[in-house]
Amino acid sequence: MGKSTFTSKSSVCNAPQPMRNLVWIIAICGLVLGGCASSRVTNLTTTRQVRNASGVYPVEFVWDTGDQTVIDGSLKPVVVVNGRDFYPMRPSLGISNRWETVIPVPASQSYIVYRFKVDYLYRAFGPAEKSSKLSQDYRLDIIDK
């Protein structure tokens, strides 16, 4: 029988080196694409505020994204207070990607826990898709004078 190019008599396989190269290529592409498509919510609110007569306190954040598929103007951020109350946010005047609102803190409480949730649309195959980004929990301490 003639020599086959499909199999060899050698017990050593040459597949590991090409597979390692492929794994490196996939890993590098994943890092590049993942780094470019990340979005971040940066809290700008102080951790402590002096109690005031109105009982409402400002909170704000900056939205940073490298994701080119996010549709401009589609952001709808809210503040989630104590996991159950939602307060819509508005863009800060004259500053891009910065959002603000005020949240109430009852006089009987010395702190609240809140987080930011940003709903947005992004370009996909076909119609735009919905997604959201949820920040970590933050604590706002209200101190008496």
Protein backbone atom coordinates (compact mmCIF):
# COMPACT_ATOMS: atom_id res chain seq x y z
CA MET A 1 0.00 0.00 0.00
CA GLY A 2 1.13 3.52 -0.71
CA LYS A 3 1.93 6.22 1.83
CA SER A 4 -1.17 7.96 3.22
CA THR A 5 -1.19 11.70 3.87
CA PHE A 6 -4.13 11.29 6.23
CA THR A 7 -2.33 9.34 8.94
CA SER A 8 1.25 8.79 9.94
CA LYS A 9 3.06 6.05 11.79
CA SER A 10 4.43 8.58 14.27
CA SER A 11 2.85 8.46 17.72
CA VAL A 12 3.64 12.15 18.33
CA CYS A 13 0.91 14.57 17.29
CA ASN A 14 1.83 18.02 15.98
CA ALA A 15 -1.53 19.53 16.99
CA PRO A 16 -0.51 21.15 20.32
CA GLN A 17 1.57 23.99 18.80
CA PRO A 18 -1.06 25.11 16.26
CA MET A 19 -3.74 24.85 18.95
CA ARG A 20 -1.68 26.99 21.33
CA ASN A 21 -1.29 29.60 18.60
CA LEU A 22 -5.05 29.58 18.01
CA VAL A 23 -5.76 29.94 21.74
CA TRP A 24 -3.42 32.96 21.94
CA ILE A 25 -5.05 34.58 18.93
CA ILE A 26 -8.55 34.07 20.42
CA ALA A 27 -7.42 35.38 23.83
CA ILE A 28 -5.86 38.53 22.33
CA CYS A 29 -8.97 39.21 20.21
CA GLY A 30 -11.16 38.75 23.29
CA LEU A 31 -9.08 41.22 25.29
CA VAL A 32 -9.08 43.79 22.51
CA LEU A 33 -12.80 43.52 21.81
CA GLY A 34 -13.74 43.32 25.49
CA GLY A 35 -11.66 46.38 26.36
CA CYS A 36 -13.22 48.42 23.60
CA ALA A 37 -16.80 47.53 24.45
CA SER A 38 -16.82 48.27 28.15
CA SER A 39 -19.05 50.79 29.88
CA ARG A 40 -18.47 52.29 33.31
CA VAL A 41 -20.54 54.25 35.82
CA THR A 42 -18.41 56.52 38.04
CA ASN A 43 -20.15 57.87 41.14
CA LEU A 44 -19.43 61.57 41.78
CA THR A 45 -21.54 61.83 44.94
CA THR A 46 -19.85 62.47 48.27
CA THR A 47 -20.24 59.70 50.81
CA ARG A 48 -21.47 62.11 53.52
CA GLN A 49 -23.79 65.09 53.34
CA VAL A 50 -25.04 67.41 56.08
CA ARG A 51 -28.72 66.97 56.89
CA ASN A 52 -30.81 69.78 55.40
CA ALA A 53 -34.36 71.06 55.94
CA SER A 54 -35.62 69.89 52.54
CA GLY A 55 -34.61 66.26 53.11
CA VAL A 56 -33.41 65.79 49.53
CA TYR A 57 -29.80 65.24 48.52
CA PRO A 58 -28.05 65.43 45.14
CA VAL A 59 -26.46 62.39 43.53
CA GLU A 60 -24.58 62.26 40.22
CA PHE A 61 -22.46 60.01 38.05
CA VAL A 62 -20.42 59.99 34.85
CA TRP A 63 -21.11 57.47 32.09
CA ASP A 64 -18.03 56.31 30.17
CA THR A 65 -18.26 53.87 27.33
CA GLY A 66 -16.01 52.66 24.57
CA ASP A 67 -18.85 50.62 23.09
CA GLN A 68 -19.48 52.02 19.62
CA THR A 69 -22.80 50.18 19.38
CA VAL A 70 -24.51 52.24 22.12
CA ILE A 71 -27.05 54.53 20.45
CA ASP A 72 -26.55 58.21 21.35
CA GLY A 73 -29.51 59.72 23.16
CA SER A 74 -30.91 56.36 24.27
CA LEU A 75 -29.62 56.44 27.87
CA LYS A 76 -32.28 56.38 30.57
CA PRO A 77 -30.54 56.38 33.96
CA VAL A 78 -32.26 56.03 37.32
CA VAL A 79 -31.16 55.89 40.95
CA VAL A 80 -32.37 52.81 42.81
CA VAL A 81 -32.71 53.61 46.52
CA ASN A 82 -32.84 50.78 49.05
CA GLY A 83 -33.47 48.36 46.19
CA ARG A 84 -37.08 49.44 45.64
CA ASP A 85 -37.51 53.16 44.91
CA PHE A 86 -36.58 54.50 41.46
CA TYR A 87 -35.74 58.15 40.72
CA PRO A 88 -35.15 59.24 37.09
CA MET A 89 -32.02 61.23 36.35
CA ARG A 90 -31.41 64.09 33.93
CA PRO A 91 -28.29 65.18 32.06
CA SER A 92 -26.18 67.80 33.84
CA LEU A 93 -26.31 71.14 32.06
CA GLY A 94 -23.29 71.85 29.89
CA ILE A 95 -21.43 68.63 30.76
CA SER A 96 -21.62 65.59 28.50
CA ASN A 97 -22.07 62.09 29.90
CA ARG A 98 -22.86 63.41 33.39
CA TRP A 99 -26.22 62.70 35.06
CA GLU A 100 -27.84 64.05 38.22
CA THR A 101 -30.96 64.01 40.39
CA VAL A 102 -32.00 64.45 44.01
CA ILE A 103 -33.19 61.69 46.30
CA PRO A 104 -35.18 61.98 49.52
CA VAL A 105 -33.83 60.74 52.85
CA PRO A 106 -36.38 60.65 55.69
CA ALA A 107 -35.42 62.54 58.84
CA SER A 108 -35.60 59.25 60.74
CA GLN A 109 -32.74 57.74 58.70
CA SER A 110 -29.04 58.46 59.04
CA TYR A 111 -28.05 56.78 55.74
CA ILE A 112 -29.40 55.20 52.57
CA VAL A 113 -28.04 52.64 50.14
CA TYR A 114 -28.39 53.39 46.45
CA ARG A 115 -27.10 52.37 43.05
CA PHE A 116 -27.31 53.64 39.50
CA LYS A 117 -29.04 51.76 36.69
CA VAL A 118 -28.57 52.85 33.10
CA ASP A 119 -30.91 51.46 30.45
CA TYR A 120 -29.84 52.00 26.85
CA LEU A 121 -30.23 50.80 23.28
CA TYR A 122 -27.44 49.36 21.17
CA ARG A 123 -27.04 48.50 17.51
CA ALA A 124 -27.37 44.81 16.75
CA PHE A 125 -28.15 42.68 13.73
CA GLY A 126 -31.65 43.82 12.86
CA PRO A 127 -33.50 46.22 15.18
CA ALA A 128 -31.83 47.93 18.14
CA GLU A 129 -31.60 45.85 21.33
CA LYS A 130 -32.12 46.92 24.95
CA SER A 131 -29.48 46.51 27.63
CA SER A 132 -28.59 47.99 31.00
CA LYS A 133 -25.65 48.60 33.30
CA LEU A 134 -26.05 48.38 37.07
CA SER A 135 -23.48 50.00 39.36
CA GLN A 136 -22.30 48.67 42.67
CA ASP A 137 -24.10 49.70 45.86
CA TYR A 138 -23.15 53.03 47.42
CA ARG A 139 -23.92 54.38 50.87
CA LEU A 140 -24.83 58.00 51.55
CA ASP A 141 -24.45 59.01 55.20
CA ILE A 142 -26.53 61.95 56.41
CA ILE A 143 -24.82 63.70 59.29
CA ASP A 144 -26.38 66.13 61.74
CA LYS A 145 -24.63 69.46 62.28
